[in-house]
């Protein structure tokens, strides 16, 4: 069975168990696909990449909210009224 692998670097679960930090370092800052029986089981991503992914997802969600509200009527308020 063919599998799509969305990483340039791969490692086996055994390699990950032997030396987790070396496995992460092998990706040189990019995700590493962890394979189990030659099929991707999960992706190991450095913390900076994971944080950037979460920030981008949050930005996309906020943009979707802004787009959904684009046609709504604007109500002006004063801070003193709050």
C-alpha atoms as a PDB file:
ATOM      1  CA  UNK A   1       0.000   0.000   0.000  1.00  0.00           C
ATOM      2  CA  UNK A   2       1.371   3.425  -0.964  1.00  0.00           C
ATOM      3  CA  UNK A   3       1.477   6.249   1.551  1.00  0.00           C
ATOM      4  CA  UNK A   4       1.979   9.971   1.154  1.00  0.00           C
ATOM      5  CA  UNK A   5       4.810  11.233   3.333  1.00  0.00           C
ATOM      6  CA  UNK A   6       4.779  14.956   3.968  1.00  0.00           C
ATOM      7  CA  UNK A   7       8.384  15.294   5.131  1.00  0.00           C
ATOM      8  CA  UNK A   8      11.764  15.116   3.451  1.00  0.00           C
ATOM      9  CA  UNK A   9      13.273  13.185   6.365  1.00  0.00           C
ATOM     10  CA  UNK A  10      12.039   9.885   7.735  1.00  0.00           C
ATOM     11  CA  UNK A  11      13.019   7.703  10.690  1.00  0.00           C
ATOM     12  CA  UNK A  12      11.728   4.496  12.170  1.00  0.00           C
ATOM     13  CA  UNK A  13      10.119   4.195  15.586  1.00  0.00           C
ATOM     14  CA  UNK A  14      13.212   2.203  16.644  1.00  0.00           C
ATOM     15  CA  UNK A  15      15.517   5.058  15.615  1.00  0.00           C
ATOM     16  CA  UNK A  16      13.348   7.507  17.533  1.00  0.00           C
ATOM     17  CA  UNK A  17      13.505   5.333  20.658  1.00  0.00           C
ATOM     18  CA  UNK A  18      17.294   5.002  20.438  1.00  0.00           C
ATOM     19  CA  UNK A  19      18.016   8.705  20.179  1.00  0.00           C
ATOM     20  CA  UNK A  20      15.031  11.085  20.108  1.00  0.00           C
ATOM     21  CA  UNK A  21      17.056  14.292  19.954  1.00  0.00           C
ATOM     22  CA  UNK A  22      19.195  13.028  17.069  1.00  0.00           C
ATOM     23  CA  UNK A  23      16.016  12.113  15.203  1.00  0.00           C
ATOM     24  CA  UNK A  24      14.660  15.639  15.615  1.00  0.00           C
ATOM     25  CA  UNK A  25      18.044  17.105  14.644  1.00  0.00           C
ATOM     26  CA  UNK A  26      18.092  14.984  11.474  1.00  0.00           C
ATOM     27  CA  UNK A  27      15.202  17.073  10.180  1.00  0.00           C
ATOM     28  CA  UNK A  28      17.338  20.231  10.421  1.00  0.00           C
ATOM     29  CA  UNK A  29      14.392  22.267  11.676  1.00  0.00           C
ATOM     30  CA  UNK A  30      11.787  20.582   9.469  1.00  0.00           C
ATOM     31  CA  UNK A  31       9.329  17.810  10.377  1.00  0.00           C
ATOM     32  CA  UNK A  32      10.504  14.197  10.476  1.00  0.00           C
ATOM     33  CA  UNK A  33       8.069  11.462   9.468  1.00  0.00           C
ATOM     34  CA  UNK A  34       8.205   8.600  11.959  1.00  0.00           C
ATOM     35  CA  UNK A  35       7.499   5.315  10.206  1.00  0.00           C
ATOM     36  CA  UNK A  36       6.039   2.161  11.664  1.00  0.00           C
ATOM     37  CA  UNK A  37       6.337  -0.803   9.263  1.00  0.00           C
ATOM     38  CA  UNK A  38       7.168   1.631   6.447  1.00  0.00           C
ATOM     39  CA  UNK A  39       3.981   3.638   6.952  1.00  0.00           C
ATOM     40  CA  UNK A  40       3.894   7.104   8.517  1.00  0.00           C
ATOM     41  CA  UNK A  41       2.729   6.807  12.131  1.00  0.00           C
ATOM     42  CA  UNK A  42       3.207  10.452  13.112  1.00  0.00           C
ATOM     43  CA  UNK A  43       5.338  13.512  12.465  1.00  0.00           C
ATOM     44  CA  UNK A  44       7.952  14.777  14.850  1.00  0.00           C
ATOM     45  CA  UNK A  45       8.258  18.551  14.627  1.00  0.00           C
ATOM     46  CA  UNK A  46      10.589  20.921  16.481  1.00  0.00           C
ATOM     47  CA  UNK A  47       8.874  23.162  19.012  1.00  0.00           C
ATOM     48  CA  UNK A  48       9.435  26.337  16.943  1.00  0.00           C
ATOM     49  CA  UNK A  49       7.755  24.750  13.913  1.00  0.00           C
ATOM     50  CA  UNK A  50       4.827  23.555  16.042  1.00  0.00           C
ATOM     51  CA  UNK A  51       4.400  27.010  17.604  1.00  0.00           C
ATOM     52  CA  UNK A  52       4.482  28.642  14.150  1.00  0.00           C
ATOM     53  CA  UNK A  53       1.856  26.164  12.903  1.00  0.00           C
ATOM     54  CA  UNK A  54      -0.459  26.973  15.822  1.00  0.00           C
ATOM     55  CA  UNK A  55      -0.028  30.716  15.295  1.00  0.00           C
ATOM     56  CA  UNK A  56      -0.823  30.352  11.603  1.00  0.00           C
ATOM     57  CA  UNK A  57      -3.927  28.278  12.362  1.00  0.00           C
ATOM     58  CA  UNK A  58      -5.079  30.897  14.850  1.00  0.00           C
ATOM     59  CA  UNK A  59      -4.532  33.639  12.252  1.00  0.00           C
ATOM     60  CA  UNK A  60      -6.578  31.660   9.723  1.00  0.00           C
ATOM     61  CA  UNK A  61      -9.418  31.237  12.228  1.00  0.00           C
ATOM     62  CA  UNK A  62      -9.381  34.954  13.070  1.00  0.00           C
ATOM     63  CA  UNK A  63      -9.405  35.832   9.356  1.00  0.00           C
ATOM     64  CA  UNK A  64     -12.402  33.563   8.826  1.00  0.00           C
ATOM     65  CA  UNK A  65     -14.237  35.333  11.673  1.00  0.00           C
ATOM     66  CA  UNK A  66     -13.336  38.742  10.226  1.00  0.00           C
ATOM     67  CA  UNK A  67     -14.496  37.676   6.756  1.00  0.00           C
ATOM     68  CA  UNK A  68     -17.790  36.407   8.175  1.00  0.00           C
ATOM     69  CA  UNK A  69     -18.354  39.726   9.936  1.00  0.00           C
ATOM     70  CA  UNK A  70     -17.270  41.905   7.004  1.00  0.00           C
ATOM     71  CA  UNK A  71     -20.814  42.776   5.930  1.00  0.00           C
ATOM     72  CA  UNK A  72     -22.174  43.477   9.402  1.00  0.00           C
ATOM     73  CA  UNK A  73     -23.249  46.897  10.533  1.00  0.00           C
ATOM     74  CA  UNK A  74     -20.650  48.853  12.532  1.00  0.00           C
ATOM     75  CA  UNK A  75     -21.707  50.158  15.936  1.00  0.00           C
ATOM     76  CA  UNK A  76     -19.547  52.903  17.385  1.00  0.00           C
ATOM     77  CA  UNK A  77     -19.099  52.994  21.159  1.00  0.00           C
ATOM     78  CA  UNK A  78     -17.144  55.175  23.530  1.00  0.00           C
ATOM     79  CA  UNK A  79     -14.918  53.673  26.158  1.00  0.00           C
ATOM     80  CA  UNK A  80     -16.657  55.769  28.795  1.00  0.00           C
ATOM     81  CA  UNK A  81     -19.954  54.087  27.893  1.00  0.00           C
ATOM     82  CA  UNK A  82     -18.541  50.662  28.697  1.00  0.00           C
END
